[in-house]
Amino acid sequence: MKPFAEPAGGGADSAGPPAGDAGDAGNIEYRVAHLHDRLAAEELAELGVRAEVRAGSVVVTGTVPSVQCREALLRTVHEELAGLAVHTDVVVAGTASPDHVEDLP
């Protein structure tokens, strides 16, 4: 039995409408919304990352606390948005202590 949350079209794993179809933009928006849900709900619990549709591609931006979080985030993005043009600008927050004394004027 399939989960009740899966849409009638087969879900995000289905190929969706052919490229250039009028429903294609809605499919992208649906997939981006599903990505937001996964990022918030799964073990990553990453709320500081944004995914937006711009000019037919998806732009993912934000800051994460570690390299491992960035790798997990990118894996999730590529799973969820496979087949779409995706541009990522996700940086790792610098949380290391300074290696030198700051000189103030």
Protein backbone atom coordinates (compact mmCIF):
# COMPACT_ATOMS: atom_id res chain seq x y z
CA MET A 1 0.00 0.00 0.00
CA LYS A 2 1.35 3.42 -0.95
CA PRO A 3 1.59 6.26 1.60
CA PHE A 4 -1.42 8.58 1.57
CA ALA A 5 0.76 11.66 1.01
CA GLU A 6 1.88 10.50 -2.42
CA PRO A 7 0.13 12.42 -5.22
CA ALA A 8 -1.96 10.64 -7.82
CA GLY A 9 0.67 11.07 -10.56
CA GLY A 10 3.20 8.69 -9.00
CA GLY A 11 5.03 11.26 -6.88
CA ALA A 12 8.31 13.04 -7.30
CA ASP A 13 9.96 9.84 -8.55
CA SER A 14 7.86 9.82 -11.71
CA ALA A 15 9.19 11.42 -14.87
CA GLY A 16 6.39 13.99 -14.91
CA PRO A 17 5.15 15.75 -18.02
CA PRO A 18 7.41 15.92 -21.07
CA ALA A 19 9.72 18.91 -21.35
CA GLY A 20 7.95 21.93 -22.77
CA ASP A 21 4.54 20.74 -21.54
CA ALA A 22 2.35 23.42 -19.93
CA GLY A 23 2.34 21.43 -16.66
CA ASP A 24 6.14 21.44 -16.45
CA ALA A 25 6.38 24.67 -14.39
CA GLY A 26 3.89 23.32 -11.87
CA ASN A 27 5.85 20.08 -11.64
CA ILE A 28 9.04 22.01 -10.83
CA GLU A 29 7.25 24.03 -8.14
CA TYR A 30 5.84 20.81 -6.66
CA ARG A 31 9.26 19.18 -6.59
CA VAL A 32 10.85 22.24 -4.95
CA ALA A 33 8.09 22.27 -2.30
CA HIS A 34 8.71 18.56 -1.67
CA LEU A 35 12.44 19.30 -1.32
CA HIS A 36 11.66 21.94 1.32
CA ASP A 37 9.55 19.39 3.20
CA ARG A 38 12.35 16.80 3.12
CA LEU A 39 14.98 19.29 4.27
CA ALA A 40 12.85 20.31 7.23
CA ALA A 41 11.60 16.86 8.23
CA GLU A 42 14.52 14.49 7.75
CA GLU A 43 17.57 14.12 9.98
CA LEU A 44 19.18 17.12 8.29
CA ALA A 45 16.47 19.47 9.66
CA GLU A 46 17.97 22.24 7.57
CA LEU A 47 15.78 25.36 7.57
CA GLY A 48 18.47 27.87 6.56
CA VAL A 49 18.54 26.74 2.94
CA ARG A 50 16.36 28.18 0.20
CA ALA A 51 15.41 26.63 -3.12
CA GLU A 52 13.77 28.86 -5.73
CA VAL A 53 12.75 28.46 -9.33
CA ARG A 54 14.45 31.05 -11.53
CA ALA A 55 14.29 31.11 -15.31
CA GLY A 56 13.40 27.44 -15.60
CA SER A 57 16.13 26.19 -13.26
CA VAL A 58 16.33 25.75 -9.48
CA VAL A 59 18.73 27.82 -7.37
CA VAL A 60 19.65 26.42 -3.95
CA THR A 61 21.33 28.86 -1.54
CA GLY A 62 22.18 28.97 2.15
CA THR A 63 24.64 28.21 4.91
CA VAL A 64 25.15 24.91 6.72
CA PRO A 65 27.20 24.12 9.86
CA SER A 66 29.55 21.47 8.43
CA VAL A 67 30.94 19.85 5.30
CA GLN A 68 29.00 16.66 6.12
CA CYS A 69 25.74 18.65 6.27
CA ARG A 70 26.55 20.25 2.91
CA GLU A 71 27.22 16.85 1.33
CA ALA A 72 23.97 15.41 2.74
CA LEU A 73 22.06 18.47 1.56
CA LEU A 74 23.47 18.25 -1.97
CA ARG A 75 22.68 14.51 -2.09
CA THR A 76 19.06 15.23 -1.10
CA VAL A 77 18.79 18.06 -3.64
CA HIS A 78 20.08 15.85 -6.46
CA GLU A 79 17.74 12.99 -5.47
CA GLU A 80 14.70 15.25 -5.31
CA LEU A 81 15.45 17.39 -8.37
CA ALA A 82 17.01 14.81 -10.69
CA GLY A 83 16.66 15.82 -14.32
CA LEU A 84 16.32 19.54 -13.58
CA ALA A 85 18.91 22.28 -14.02
CA VAL A 86 20.11 23.00 -10.46
CA HIS A 87 22.56 25.70 -9.37
CA THR A 88 23.87 25.52 -5.81
CA ASP A 89 25.51 28.14 -3.66
CA VAL A 90 25.62 26.44 -0.26
CA VAL A 91 28.49 27.46 2.01
CA VAL A 92 29.82 26.00 5.24
CA ALA A 93 29.76 28.37 8.21
CA GLY A 94 33.19 29.09 9.60
CA THR A 95 32.92 27.91 13.21
CA ALA A 96 36.62 27.34 13.94
CA SER A 97 38.32 29.52 16.49
CA PRO A 98 40.66 32.19 15.08
CA ASP A 99 44.28 31.18 14.61
CA HIS A 100 45.65 34.65 15.37
CA VAL A 101 44.94 37.68 17.52
CA GLU A 102 42.84 40.38 15.92
CA ASP A 103 44.62 43.77 15.87
CA LEU A 104 42.25 46.65 16.39
CA PRO A 105 43.26 50.21 15.40
